[in-house]
Amino acid sequence: PQVAALPPPKLPPVPVTVAALDIAVGTTALPDAQRPRLAEVLAQYKDKPRTVRIVAYSAPATGGAEQLNSFRSALDRAQLVAKALADGGIPANKIQTQAAPPSDSAPPGRIEVQLLP
């Protein structure tokens, strides 16, 4: 009886993916071909400022050291995108970066830019 009176639990915000970039594993500079997509993200952010999450997918790896190196490489690529967005006007404290393992829908080298509600 008391449980029914409680409000439903608050669910975490669901991010909206606004751009998907394919940047080769091991890339050390943001390719010029990806900049128009980032311009779209900047426009959406300026329209409605909120937190931007950048998720970079790692390459498949076996063994602990290889997995760590793969995630480090993915995080480096996420940082490339974060720097470009910060240079475009998004405050650094509004940008989150993370590395994730690859999946069927997110191959190695994929970077998703998400806006949190």
PDB file of N, CA and C in Angstrom:
ATOM      1  N   PRO A   1       0.810  -1.201   0.000  1.00  0.00           N
ATOM      2  CA  PRO A   1       0.000   0.000   0.000  1.00  0.00           C
ATOM      3  C   PRO A   1       0.858   1.272   0.000  1.00  0.00           C
ATOM      4  N   GLN A   2       1.910   1.300   0.791  1.00  0.00           N
ATOM      5  CA  GLN A   2       2.752   2.485   0.846  1.00  0.00           C
ATOM      6  C   GLN A   2       3.548   2.673  -0.440  1.00  0.00           C
ATOM      7  N   VAL A   3       3.939   1.604  -1.076  1.00  0.00           N
ATOM      8  CA  VAL A   3       4.714   1.681  -2.309  1.00  0.00           C
ATOM      9  C   VAL A   3       3.905   2.366  -3.409  1.00  0.00           C
ATOM     10  N   ALA A   4       2.632   2.095  -3.461  1.00  0.00           N
ATOM     11  CA  ALA A   4       1.789   2.692  -4.484  1.00  0.00           C
ATOM     12  C   ALA A   4       1.703   4.206  -4.342  1.00  0.00           C
ATOM     13  N   ALA A   5       1.903   4.720  -3.152  1.00  0.00           N
ATOM     14  CA  ALA A   5       1.810   6.158  -2.923  1.00  0.00           C
ATOM     15  C   ALA A   5       3.086   6.891  -3.344  1.00  0.00           C
ATOM     16  N   LEU A   6       4.168   6.175  -3.511  1.00  0.00           N
ATOM     17  CA  LEU A   6       5.432   6.807  -3.897  1.00  0.00           C
ATOM     18  C   LEU A   6       5.419   7.167  -5.378  1.00  0.00           C
ATOM     19  N   PRO A   7       6.055   8.279  -5.733  1.00  0.00           N
ATOM     20  CA  PRO A   7       6.143   8.616  -7.155  1.00  0.00           C
ATOM     21  C   PRO A   7       7.055   7.615  -7.870  1.00  0.00           C
ATOM     22  N   PRO A   8       6.890   7.457  -9.171  1.00  0.00           N
ATOM     23  CA  PRO A   8       7.760   6.520  -9.894  1.00  0.00           C
ATOM     24  C   PRO A   8       9.211   6.999  -9.828  1.00  0.00           C
ATOM     25  N   PRO A   9      10.163   6.076  -9.877  1.00  0.00           N
ATOM     26  CA  PRO A   9      11.570   6.487  -9.807  1.00  0.00           C
ATOM     27  C   PRO A   9      11.945   7.342 -11.008  1.00  0.00           C
ATOM     28  N   LYS A  10      12.836   8.277 -10.771  1.00  0.00           N
ATOM     29  CA  LYS A  10      13.276   9.163 -11.847  1.00  0.00           C
ATOM     30  C   LYS A  10      14.284   8.405 -12.714  1.00  0.00           C
ATOM     31  N   LEU A  11      14.014   8.337 -13.992  1.00  0.00           N
ATOM     32  CA  LEU A  11      14.894   7.640 -14.920  1.00  0.00           C
ATOM     33  C   LEU A  11      16.006   8.576 -15.382  1.00  0.00           C
ATOM     34  N   PRO A  12      17.179   8.032 -15.709  1.00  0.00           N
ATOM     35  CA  PRO A  12      18.251   8.898 -16.197  1.00  0.00           C
ATOM     36  C   PRO A  12      17.874   9.504 -17.549  1.00  0.00           C
ATOM     37  N   PRO A  13      18.434  10.669 -17.858  1.00  0.00           N
ATOM     38  CA  PRO A  13      18.102  11.297 -19.140  1.00  0.00           C
ATOM     39  C   PRO A  13      18.549  10.433 -20.309  1.00  0.00           C
ATOM     40  N   VAL A  14      17.757  10.438 -21.347  1.00  0.00           N
ATOM     41  CA  VAL A  14      18.078   9.674 -22.552  1.00  0.00           C
ATOM     42  C   VAL A  14      18.753  10.620 -23.550  1.00  0.00           C
ATOM     43  N   PRO A  15      20.014  10.347 -23.895  1.00  0.00           N
ATOM     44  CA  PRO A  15      20.701  11.224 -24.843  1.00  0.00           C
ATOM     45  C   PRO A  15      20.149  11.064 -26.252  1.00  0.00           C
ATOM     46  N   VAL A  16      20.275  12.127 -27.030  1.00  0.00           N
ATOM     47  CA  VAL A  16      19.861  12.110 -28.424  1.00  0.00           C
ATOM     48  C   VAL A  16      21.118  12.207 -29.277  1.00  0.00           C
ATOM     49  N   THR A  17      21.350  11.209 -30.115  1.00  0.00           N
ATOM     50  CA  THR A  17      22.514  11.235 -30.998  1.00  0.00           C
ATOM     51  C   THR A  17      22.228  12.195 -32.140  1.00  0.00           C
ATOM     52  N   VAL A  18      23.071  13.233 -32.253  1.00  0.00           N
ATOM     53  CA  VAL A  18      22.854  14.258 -33.276  1.00  0.00           C
ATOM     54  C   VAL A  18      23.870  14.175 -34.408  1.00  0.00           C
ATOM     55  N   ALA A  19      24.935  13.398 -34.202  1.00  0.00           N
ATOM     56  CA  ALA A  19      25.924  13.214 -35.268  1.00  0.00           C
ATOM     57  C   ALA A  19      26.659  11.908 -35.036  1.00  0.00           C
ATOM     58  N   ALA A  20      26.965  11.225 -36.120  1.00  0.00           N
ATOM     59  CA  ALA A  20      27.790  10.021 -36.092  1.00  0.00           C
ATOM     60  C   ALA A  20      28.941  10.256 -37.065  1.00  0.00           C
ATOM     61  N   LEU A  21      30.148  10.196 -36.546  1.00  0.00           N
ATOM     62  CA  LEU A  21      31.342  10.429 -37.355  1.00  0.00           C
ATOM     63  C   LEU A  21      32.122   9.131 -37.457  1.00  0.00           C
ATOM     64  N   ASP A  22      32.738   8.892 -38.583  1.00  0.00           N
ATOM     65  CA  ASP A  22      33.619   7.740 -38.728  1.00  0.00           C
ATOM     66  C   ASP A  22      35.034   8.275 -38.911  1.00  0.00           C
ATOM     67  N   ILE A  23      35.830   8.095 -37.875  1.00  0.00           N
ATOM     68  CA  ILE A  23      37.213   8.569 -37.872  1.00  0.00           C
ATOM     69  C   ILE A  23      38.101   7.354 -37.631  1.00  0.00           C
ATOM     70  N   ALA A  24      39.019   7.108 -38.543  1.00  0.00           N
ATOM     71  CA  ALA A  24      39.851   5.907 -38.485  1.00  0.00           C
ATOM     72  C   ALA A  24      40.592   5.803 -37.158  1.00  0.00           C
ATOM     73  N   VAL A  25      40.667   4.585 -36.669  1.00  0.00           N
ATOM     74  CA  VAL A  25      41.425   4.309 -35.452  1.00  0.00           C
ATOM     75  C   VAL A  25      42.870   4.747 -35.683  1.00  0.00           C
ATOM     76  N   GLY A  26      43.438   5.453 -34.727  1.00  0.00           N
ATOM     77  CA  GLY A  26      44.809   5.927 -34.840  1.00  0.00           C
ATOM     78  C   GLY A  26      44.935   7.321 -35.426  1.00  0.00           C
ATOM     79  N   THR A  27      43.820   7.942 -35.812  1.00  0.00           N
ATOM     80  CA  THR A  27      43.842   9.296 -36.365  1.00  0.00           C
ATOM     81  C   THR A  27      44.253  10.281 -35.279  1.00  0.00           C
ATOM     82  N   THR A  28      45.136  11.215 -35.627  1.00  0.00           N
ATOM     83  CA  THR A  28      45.615  12.183 -34.641  1.00  0.00           C
ATOM     84  C   THR A  28      45.132  13.602 -34.920  1.00  0.00           C
ATOM     85  N   ALA A  29      44.396  13.790 -36.004  1.00  0.00           N
ATOM     86  CA  ALA A  29      43.830  15.103 -36.327  1.00  0.00           C
ATOM     87  C   ALA A  29      42.427  14.894 -36.881  1.00  0.00           C
ATOM     88  N   LEU A  30      41.546  15.821 -36.575  1.00  0.00           N
ATOM     89  CA  LEU A  30      40.178  15.718 -37.051  1.00  0.00           C
ATOM     90  C   LEU A  30      40.137  15.954 -38.556  1.00  0.00           C
ATOM     91  N   PRO A  31      39.631  15.001 -39.338  1.00  0.00           N
ATOM     92  CA  PRO A  31      39.547  15.184 -40.787  1.00  0.00           C
ATOM     93  C   PRO A  31      38.626  16.354 -41.152  1.00  0.00           C
ATOM     94  N   ASP A  32      39.015  17.124 -42.144  1.00  0.00           N
ATOM     95  CA  ASP A  32      38.213  18.272 -42.579  1.00  0.00           C
ATOM     96  C   ASP A  32      36.812  17.860 -43.019  1.00  0.00           C
ATOM     97  N   ALA A  33      36.675  16.654 -43.538  1.00  0.00           N
ATOM     98  CA  ALA A  33      35.376  16.179 -44.016  1.00  0.00           C
ATOM     99  C   ALA A  33      34.354  16.069 -42.882  1.00  0.00           C
ATOM    100  N   GLN A  34      34.811  15.992 -41.630  1.00  0.00           N
ATOM    101  CA  GLN A  34      33.900  15.849 -40.494  1.00  0.00           C
ATOM    102  C   GLN A  34      33.440  17.198 -39.926  1.00  0.00           C
ATOM    103  N   ARG A  35      34.094  18.269 -40.293  1.00  0.00           N
ATOM    104  CA  ARG A  35      33.788  19.584 -39.715  1.00  0.00           C
ATOM    105  C   ARG A  35      32.363  20.077 -39.993  1.00  0.00           C
ATOM    106  N   PRO A  36      31.784  19.834 -41.184  1.00  0.00           N
ATOM    107  CA  PRO A  36      30.391  20.268 -41.391  1.00  0.00           C
ATOM    108  C   PRO A  36      29.410  19.621 -40.404  1.00  0.00           C
ATOM    109  N   ARG A  37      29.648  18.360 -40.059  1.00  0.00           N
ATOM    110  CA  ARG A  37      28.772  17.701 -39.084  1.00  0.00           C
ATOM    111  C   ARG A  37      28.892  18.358 -37.715  1.00  0.00           C
ATOM    112  N   LEU A  38      30.119  18.748 -37.369  1.00  0.00           N
ATOM    113  CA  LEU A  38      30.315  19.406 -36.081  1.00  0.00           C
ATOM    114  C   LEU A  38      29.678  20.793 -36.079  1.00  0.00           C
ATOM    115  N   ALA A  39      29.655  21.448 -37.234  1.00  0.00           N
ATOM    116  CA  ALA A  39      28.990  22.748 -37.334  1.00  0.00           C
ATOM    117  C   ALA A  39      27.495  22.600 -37.034  1.00  0.00           C
ATOM    118  N   GLU A  40      26.906  21.498 -37.469  1.00  0.00           N
ATOM    119  CA  GLU A  40      25.496  21.227 -37.178  1.00  0.00           C
ATOM    120  C   GLU A  40      25.281  21.039 -35.675  1.00  0.00           C
ATOM    121  N   VAL A  41      26.217  20.337 -35.034  1.00  0.00           N
ATOM    122  CA  VAL A  41      26.125  20.129 -33.587  1.00  0.00           C
ATOM    123  C   VAL A  41      26.223  21.473 -32.872  1.00  0.00           C
ATOM    124  N   LEU A  42      27.157  22.314 -33.305  1.00  0.00           N
ATOM    125  CA  LEU A  42      27.319  23.637 -32.694  1.00  0.00           C
ATOM    126  C   LEU A  42      26.032  24.457 -32.825  1.00  0.00           C
ATOM    127  N   ALA A  43      25.401  24.389 -33.982  1.00  0.00           N
ATOM    128  CA  ALA A  43      24.158  25.132 -34.201  1.00  0.00           C
ATOM    129  C   ALA A  43      23.056  24.625 -33.264  1.00  0.00           C
ATOM    130  N   GLN A  44      22.960  23.310 -33.106  1.00  0.00           N
ATOM    131  CA  GLN A  44      21.943  22.751 -32.215  1.00  0.00           C
ATOM    132  C   GLN A  44      22.223  23.137 -30.766  1.00  0.00           C
ATOM    133  N   TYR A  45      23.496  23.141 -30.393  1.00  0.00           N
ATOM    134  CA  TYR A  45      23.854  23.522 -29.027  1.00  0.00           C
ATOM    135  C   TYR A  45      23.498  24.995 -28.779  1.00  0.00           C
ATOM    136  N   LYS A  46      23.810  25.857 -29.737  1.00  0.00           N
ATOM    137  CA  LYS A  46      23.530  27.287 -29.571  1.00  0.00           C
ATOM    138  C   LYS A  46      22.023  27.536 -29.493  1.00  0.00           C
ATOM    139  N   ASP A  47      21.261  26.715 -30.199  1.00  0.00           N
ATOM    140  CA  ASP A  47      19.800  26.804 -30.152  1.00  0.00           C
ATOM    141  C   ASP A  47      19.271  26.456 -28.762  1.00  0.00           C
ATOM    142  N   LYS A  48      19.850  25.398 -28.181  1.00  0.00           N
ATOM    143  CA  LYS A  48      19.413  24.922 -26.864  1.00  0.00           C
ATOM    144  C   LYS A  48      20.633  24.365 -26.121  1.00  0.00           C
ATOM    145  N   PRO A  49      21.328  25.217 -25.356  1.00  0.00           N
ATOM    146  CA  PRO A  49      22.533  24.755 -24.638  1.00  0.00           C
ATOM    147  C   PRO A  49      22.213  23.628 -23.646  1.00  0.00           C
ATOM    148  N   ARG A  50      23.033  22.608 -23.697  1.00  0.00           N
ATOM    149  CA  ARG A  50      22.927  21.475 -22.774  1.00  0.00           C
ATOM    150  C   ARG A  50      24.220  20.690 -22.826  1.00  0.00           C
ATOM    151  N   THR A  51      24.317  19.646 -22.061  1.00  0.00           N
ATOM    152  CA  THR A  51      25.536  18.849 -22.025  1.00  0.00           C
ATOM    153  C   THR A  51      25.688  18.048 -23.311  1.00  0.00           C
ATOM    154  N   VAL A  52      26.917  18.015 -23.820  1.00  0.00           N
ATOM    155  CA  VAL A  52      27.260  17.266 -25.024  1.00  0.00           C
ATOM    156  C   VAL A  52      28.103  16.067 -24.595  1.00  0.00           C
ATOM    157  N   ARG A  53      27.699  14.882 -25.012  1.00  0.00           N
ATOM    158  CA  ARG A  53      28.470  13.671 -24.722  1.00  0.00           C
ATOM    159  C   ARG A  53      29.044  13.149 -26.028  1.00  0.00           C
ATOM    160  N   ILE A  54      30.327  12.820 -25.991  1.00  0.00           N
ATOM    161  CA  ILE A  54      31.010  12.263 -27.156  1.00  0.00           C
ATOM    162  C   ILE A  54      31.444  10.844 -26.797  1.00  0.00           C
ATOM    163  N   VAL A  55      30.920   9.876 -27.541  1.00  0.00           N
ATOM    164  CA  VAL A  55      31.233   8.464 -27.300  1.00  0.00           C
ATOM    165  C   VAL A  55      32.032   7.948 -28.487  1.00  0.00           C
ATOM    166  N   ALA A  56      33.266   7.518 -28.233  1.00  0.00           N
ATOM    167  CA  ALA A  56      34.122   6.954 -29.281  1.00  0.00           C
ATOM    168  C   ALA A  56      34.235   5.444 -29.053  1.00  0.00           C
ATOM    169  N   TYR A  57      34.053   4.690 -30.127  1.00  0.00           N
ATOM    170  CA  TYR A  57      34.075   3.231 -30.028  1.00  0.00           C
ATOM    171  C   TYR A  57      35.458   2.700 -30.365  1.00  0.00           C
ATOM    172  N   SER A  58      35.932   1.798 -29.501  1.00  0.00           N
ATOM    173  CA  SER A  58      37.275   1.248 -29.639  1.00  0.00           C
ATOM    174  C   SER A  58      37.313   0.117 -30.657  1.00  0.00           C
ATOM    175  N   ALA A  59      38.527  -0.278 -31.005  1.00  0.00           N
ATOM    176  CA  ALA A  59      38.735  -1.437 -31.876  1.00  0.00           C
ATOM    177  C   ALA A  59      38.690  -2.697 -31.009  1.00  0.00           C
ATOM    178  N   PRO A  60      38.278  -3.822 -31.587  1.00  0.00           N
ATOM    179  CA  PRO A  60      38.272  -5.065 -30.809  1.00  0.00           C
ATOM    180  C   PRO A  60      39.698  -5.401 -30.372  1.00  0.00           C
ATOM    181  N   ALA A  61      39.810  -5.948 -29.191  1.00  0.00           N
ATOM    182  CA  ALA A  61      41.137  -6.272 -28.669  1.00  0.00           C
ATOM    183  C   ALA A  61      41.046  -7.495 -27.769  1.00  0.00           C
ATOM    184  N   THR A  62      42.150  -8.194 -27.674  1.00  0.00           N
ATOM    185  CA  THR A  62      42.242  -9.316 -26.743  1.00  0.00           C
ATOM    186  C   THR A  62      43.378  -9.020 -25.786  1.00  0.00           C
ATOM    187  N   GLY A  63      43.229  -9.440 -24.576  1.00  0.00           N
ATOM    188  CA  GLY A  63      44.267  -9.187 -23.588  1.00  0.00           C
ATOM    189  C   GLY A  63      44.099  -7.815 -22.951  1.00  0.00           C
ATOM    190  N   GLY A  64      44.498  -7.716 -21.699  1.00  0.00           N
ATOM    191  CA  GLY A  64      44.309  -6.494 -20.934  1.00  0.00           C
ATOM    192  C   GLY A  64      45.012  -5.281 -21.500  1.00  0.00           C
ATOM    193  N   ALA A  65      46.292  -5.405 -21.819  1.00  0.00           N
ATOM    194  CA  ALA A  65      47.049  -4.244 -22.305  1.00  0.00           C
ATOM    195  C   ALA A  65      46.521  -3.770 -23.651  1.00  0.00           C
ATOM    196  N   GLU A  66      46.183  -4.696 -24.525  1.00  0.00           N
ATOM    197  CA  GLU A  66      45.664  -4.330 -25.846  1.00  0.00           C
ATOM    198  C   GLU A  66      44.314  -3.625 -25.722  1.00  0.00           C
ATOM    199  N   GLN A  67      43.473  -4.102 -24.810  1.00  0.00           N
ATOM    200  CA  GLN A  67      42.180  -3.458 -24.590  1.00  0.00           C
ATOM    201  C   GLN A  67      42.358  -2.038 -24.056  1.00  0.00           C
ATOM    202  N   LEU A  68      43.278  -1.868 -23.110  1.00  0.00           N
ATOM    203  CA  LEU A  68      43.534  -0.528 -22.576  1.00  0.00           C
ATOM    204  C   LEU A  68      44.029   0.413 -23.667  1.00  0.00           C
ATOM    205  N   ASN A  69      44.915  -0.071 -24.516  1.00  0.00           N
ATOM    206  CA  ASN A  69      45.426   0.761 -25.610  1.00  0.00           C
ATOM    207  C   ASN A  69      44.312   1.125 -26.591  1.00  0.00           C
ATOM    208  N   SER A  70      43.424   0.187 -26.855  1.00  0.00           N
ATOM    209  CA  SER A  70      42.315   0.435 -27.767  1.00  0.00           C
ATOM    210  C   SER A  70      41.371   1.489 -27.185  1.00  0.00           C
ATOM    211  N   PHE A  71      41.076   1.392 -25.900  1.00  0.00           N
ATOM    212  CA  PHE A  71      40.212   2.379 -25.260  1.00  0.00           C
ATOM    213  C   PHE A  71      40.902   3.742 -25.199  1.00  0.00           C
ATOM    214  N   ARG A  72      42.208   3.747 -24.957  1.00  0.00           N
ATOM    215  CA  ARG A  72      42.950   5.017 -24.918  1.00  0.00           C
ATOM    216  C   ARG A  72      42.885   5.702 -26.283  1.00  0.00           C
ATOM    217  N   SER A  73      43.050   4.919 -27.352  1.00  0.00           N
ATOM    218  CA  SER A  73      42.963   5.459 -28.706  1.00  0.00           C
ATOM    219  C   SER A  73      41.570   6.030 -28.975  1.00  0.00           C
ATOM    220  N   ALA A  74      40.535   5.315 -28.534  1.00  0.00           N
ATOM    221  CA  ALA A  74      39.166   5.801 -28.717  1.00  0.00           C
ATOM    222  C   ALA A  74      38.958   7.103 -27.942  1.00  0.00           C
ATOM    223  N   LEU A  75      39.460   7.161 -26.737  1.00  0.00           N
ATOM    224  CA  LEU A  75      39.316   8.375 -25.936  1.00  0.00           C
ATOM    225  C   LEU A  75      40.066   9.545 -26.561  1.00  0.00           C
ATOM    226  N   ASP A  76      41.224   9.266 -27.164  1.00  0.00           N
ATOM    227  CA  ASP A  76      41.971  10.321 -27.867  1.00  0.00           C
ATOM    228  C   ASP A  76      41.147  10.886 -29.025  1.00  0.00           C
ATOM    229  N   ARG A  77      40.457  10.007 -29.762  1.00  0.00           N
ATOM    230  CA  ARG A  77      39.607  10.475 -30.862  1.00  0.00           C
ATOM    231  C   ARG A  77      38.427  11.288 -30.337  1.00  0.00           C
ATOM    232  N   ALA A  78      37.865  10.867 -29.213  1.00  0.00           N
ATOM    233  CA  ALA A  78      36.776  11.640 -28.605  1.00  0.00           C
ATOM    234  C   ALA A  78      37.274  13.027 -28.198  1.00  0.00           C
ATOM    235  N   GLN A  79      38.501  13.104 -27.715  1.00  0.00           N
ATOM    236  CA  GLN A  79      39.077  14.383 -27.318  1.00  0.00           C
ATOM    237  C   GLN A  79      39.297  15.300 -28.523  1.00  0.00           C
ATOM    238  N   LEU A  80      39.632  14.722 -29.685  1.00  0.00           N
ATOM    239  CA  LEU A  80      39.749  15.534 -30.904  1.00  0.00           C
ATOM    240  C   LEU A  80      38.433  16.248 -31.209  1.00  0.00           C
ATOM    241  N   VAL A  81      37.346  15.504 -31.112  1.00  0.00           N
ATOM    242  CA  VAL A  81      36.027  16.065 -31.378  1.00  0.00           C
ATOM    243  C   VAL A  81      35.672  17.086 -30.295  1.00  0.00           C
ATOM    244  N   ALA A  82      35.972  16.766 -29.044  1.00  0.00           N
ATOM    245  CA  ALA A  82      35.679  17.688 -27.944  1.00  0.00           C
ATOM    246  C   ALA A  82      36.416  19.009 -28.131  1.00  0.00           C
ATOM    247  N   LYS A  83      37.666  18.944 -28.546  1.00  0.00           N
ATOM    248  CA  LYS A  83      38.442  20.167 -28.752  1.00  0.00           C
ATOM    249  C   LYS A  83      37.838  21.011 -29.870  1.00  0.00           C
ATOM    250  N   ALA A  84      37.427  20.356 -30.958  1.00  0.00           N
ATOM    251  CA  ALA A  84      36.812  21.090 -32.073  1.00  0.00           C
ATOM    252  C   ALA A  84      35.519  21.760 -31.625  1.00  0.00           C
ATOM    253  N   LEU A  85      34.723  21.074 -30.806  1.00  0.00           N
ATOM    254  CA  LEU A  85      33.475  21.665 -30.326  1.00  0.00           C
ATOM    255  C   LEU A  85      33.755  22.808 -29.343  1.00  0.00           C
ATOM    256  N   ALA A  86      34.756  22.641 -28.494  1.00  0.00           N
ATOM    257  CA  ALA A  86      35.125  23.710 -27.560  1.00  0.00           C
ATOM    258  C   ALA A  86      35.650  24.921 -28.324  1.00  0.00           C
ATOM    259  N   ASP A  87      36.439  24.674 -29.349  1.00  0.00           N
ATOM    260  CA  ASP A  87      36.939  25.776 -30.188  1.00  0.00           C
ATOM    261  C   ASP A  87      35.782  26.489 -30.894  1.00  0.00           C
ATOM    262  N   GLY A  88      34.693  25.768 -31.129  1.00  0.00           N
ATOM    263  CA  GLY A  88      33.519  26.339 -31.785  1.00  0.00           C
ATOM    264  C   GLY A  88      32.591  27.091 -30.846  1.00  0.00           C
ATOM    265  N   GLY A  89      32.881  27.027 -29.542  1.00  0.00           N
ATOM    266  CA  GLY A  89      32.093  27.820 -28.610  1.00  0.00           C
ATOM    267  C   GLY A  89      31.370  27.072 -27.504  1.00  0.00           C
ATOM    268  N   ILE A  90      31.432  25.759 -27.491  1.00  0.00           N
ATOM    269  CA  ILE A  90      30.790  25.021 -26.399  1.00  0.00           C
ATOM    270  C   ILE A  90      31.756  25.020 -25.211  1.00  0.00           C
ATOM    271  N   PRO A  91      31.309  25.457 -24.027  1.00  0.00           N
ATOM    272  CA  PRO A  91      32.193  25.457 -22.860  1.00  0.00           C
ATOM    273  C   PRO A  91      32.697  24.041 -22.545  1.00  0.00           C
ATOM    274  N   ALA A  92      33.958  23.945 -22.192  1.00  0.00           N
ATOM    275  CA  ALA A  92      34.565  22.639 -21.913  1.00  0.00           C
ATOM    276  C   ALA A  92      33.831  21.898 -20.797  1.00  0.00           C
ATOM    277  N   ASN A  93      33.278  22.635 -19.839  1.00  0.00           N
ATOM    278  CA  ASN A  93      32.581  21.956 -18.737  1.00  0.00           C
ATOM    279  C   ASN A  93      31.212  21.416 -19.153  1.00  0.00           C
ATOM    280  N   LYS A  94      30.805  21.649 -20.384  1.00  0.00           N
ATOM    281  CA  LYS A  94      29.552  21.112 -20.921  1.00  0.00           C
ATOM    282  C   LYS A  94      29.798  19.927 -21.858  1.00  0.00           C
ATOM    283  N   ILE A  95      31.060  19.484 -21.940  1.00  0.00           N
ATOM    284  CA  ILE A  95      31.417  18.387 -22.850  1.00  0.00           C
ATOM    285  C   ILE A  95      31.922  17.197 -22.043  1.00  0.00           C
ATOM    286  N   GLN A  96      31.345  16.032 -22.282  1.00  0.00           N
ATOM    287  CA  GLN A  96      31.784  14.775 -21.669  1.00  0.00           C
ATOM    288  C   GLN A  96      32.342  13.885 -22.771  1.00  0.00           C
ATOM    289  N   THR A  97      33.429  13.178 -22.482  1.00  0.00           N
ATOM    290  CA  THR A  97      33.972  12.224 -23.447  1.00  0.00           C
ATOM    291  C   THR A  97      34.039  10.847 -22.794  1.00  0.00           C
ATOM    292  N   GLN A  98      33.853   9.826 -23.619  1.00  0.00           N
ATOM    293  CA  GLN A  98      33.984   8.465 -23.116  1.00  0.00           C
ATOM    294  C   GLN A  98      34.340   7.517 -24.253  1.00  0.00           C
ATOM    295  N   ALA A  99      34.950   6.408 -23.873  1.00  0.00           N
ATOM    296  CA  ALA A  99      35.264   5.336 -24.813  1.00  0.00           C
ATOM    297  C   ALA A  99      34.329   4.171 -24.510  1.00  0.00           C
ATOM    298  N   ALA A 100      33.967   3.428 -25.544  1.00  0.00           N
ATOM    299  CA  ALA A 100      33.070   2.290 -25.384  1.00  0.00           C
ATOM    300  C   ALA A 100      33.532   1.168 -26.304  1.00  0.00           C
ATOM    301  N   PRO A 101      33.206  -0.076 -25.962  1.00  0.00           N
ATOM    302  CA  PRO A 101      33.563  -1.182 -26.851  1.00  0.00           C
ATOM    303  C   PRO A 101      32.726  -1.131 -28.123  1.00  0.00           C
ATOM    304  N   PRO A 102      33.239  -1.677 -29.225  1.00  0.00           N
ATOM    305  CA  PRO A 102      32.469  -1.680 -30.471  1.00  0.00           C
ATOM    306  C   PRO A 102      31.259  -2.605 -30.352  1.00  0.00           C
ATOM    307  N   SER A 103      30.280  -2.354 -31.200  1.00  0.00           N
ATOM    308  CA  SER A 103      29.099  -3.217 -31.250  1.00  0.00           C
ATOM    309  C   SER A 103      28.670  -3.339 -32.710  1.00  0.00           C
ATOM    310  N   ASP A 104      27.610  -4.094 -32.964  1.00  0.00           N
ATOM    311  CA  ASP A 104      27.119  -4.246 -34.333  1.00  0.00           C
ATOM    312  C   ASP A 104      26.675  -2.910 -34.918  1.00  0.00           C
ATOM    313  N   SER A 105      26.090  -2.058 -34.081  1.00  0.00           N
ATOM    314  CA  SER A 105      25.593  -0.774 -34.569  1.00  0.00           C
ATOM    315  C   SER A 105      26.635   0.341 -34.473  1.00  0.00           C
ATOM    316  N   ALA A 106      27.736   0.081 -33.787  1.00  0.00           N
ATOM    317  CA  ALA A 106      28.787   1.092 -33.626  1.00  0.00           C
ATOM    318  C   ALA A 106      30.149   0.441 -33.862  1.00  0.00           C
ATOM    319  N   PRO A 107      30.608   0.452 -35.104  1.00  0.00           N
ATOM    320  CA  PRO A 107      31.881  -0.205 -35.425  1.00  0.00           C
ATOM    321  C   PRO A 107      33.077   0.589 -34.891  1.00  0.00           C
ATOM    322  N   PRO A 108      34.249  -0.021 -34.867  1.00  0.00           N
ATOM    323  CA  PRO A 108      35.456   0.693 -34.452  1.00  0.00           C
ATOM    324  C   PRO A 108      35.647   1.935 -35.315  1.00  0.00           C
ATOM    325  N   GLY A 109      36.032   3.031 -34.692  1.00  0.00           N
ATOM    326  CA  GLY A 109      36.231   4.271 -35.417  1.00  0.00           C
ATOM    327  C   GLY A 109      35.014   5.181 -35.401  1.00  0.00           C
ATOM    328  N   ARG A 110      33.869   4.656 -35.012  1.00  0.00           N
ATOM    329  CA  ARG A 110      32.642   5.461 -34.944  1.00  0.00           C
ATOM    330  C   ARG A 110      32.702   6.358 -33.714  1.00  0.00           C
ATOM    331  N   ILE A 111      32.262   7.583 -33.893  1.00  0.00           N
ATOM    332  CA  ILE A 111      32.132   8.526 -32.785  1.00  0.00           C
ATOM    333  C   ILE A 111      30.727   9.094 -32.862  1.00  0.00           C
ATOM    334  N   GLU A 112      30.006   8.995 -31.753  1.00  0.00           N
ATOM    335  CA  GLU A 112      28.661   9.555 -31.683  1.00  0.00           C
ATOM    336  C   GLU A 112      28.707  10.809 -30.825  1.00  0.00           C
ATOM    337  N   VAL A 113      28.072  11.857 -31.316  1.00  0.00           N
ATOM    338  CA  VAL A 113      27.922  13.093 -30.550  1.00  0.00           C
ATOM    339  C   VAL A 113      26.468  13.136 -30.107  1.00  0.00           C
ATOM    340  N   GLN A 114      26.279  13.192 -28.801  1.00  0.00           N
ATOM    341  CA  GLN A 114      24.944  13.148 -28.236  1.00  0.00           C
ATOM    342  C   GLN A 114      24.664  14.418 -27.436  1.00  0.00           C
ATOM    343  N   LEU A 115      23.421  14.840 -27.437  1.00  0.00           N
ATOM    344  CA  LEU A 115      22.978  15.941 -26.593  1.00  0.00           C
ATOM    345  C   LEU A 115      22.106  15.352 -25.491  1.00  0.00           C
ATOM    346  N   LEU A 116      22.409  15.702 -24.260  1.00  0.00           N
ATOM    347  CA  LEU A 116      21.622  15.236 -23.141  1.00  0.00           C
ATOM    348  C   LEU A 116      20.470  16.210 -22.904  1.00  0.00           C
ATOM    349  N   PRO A 117      19.315  15.684 -22.515  1.00  0.00           N
ATOM    350  CA  PRO A 117      18.185  16.589 -22.278  1.00  0.00           C
ATOM    351  C   PRO A 117      18.407  17.473 -21.064  1.00  0.00           C
TER     352      PRO A 117
END
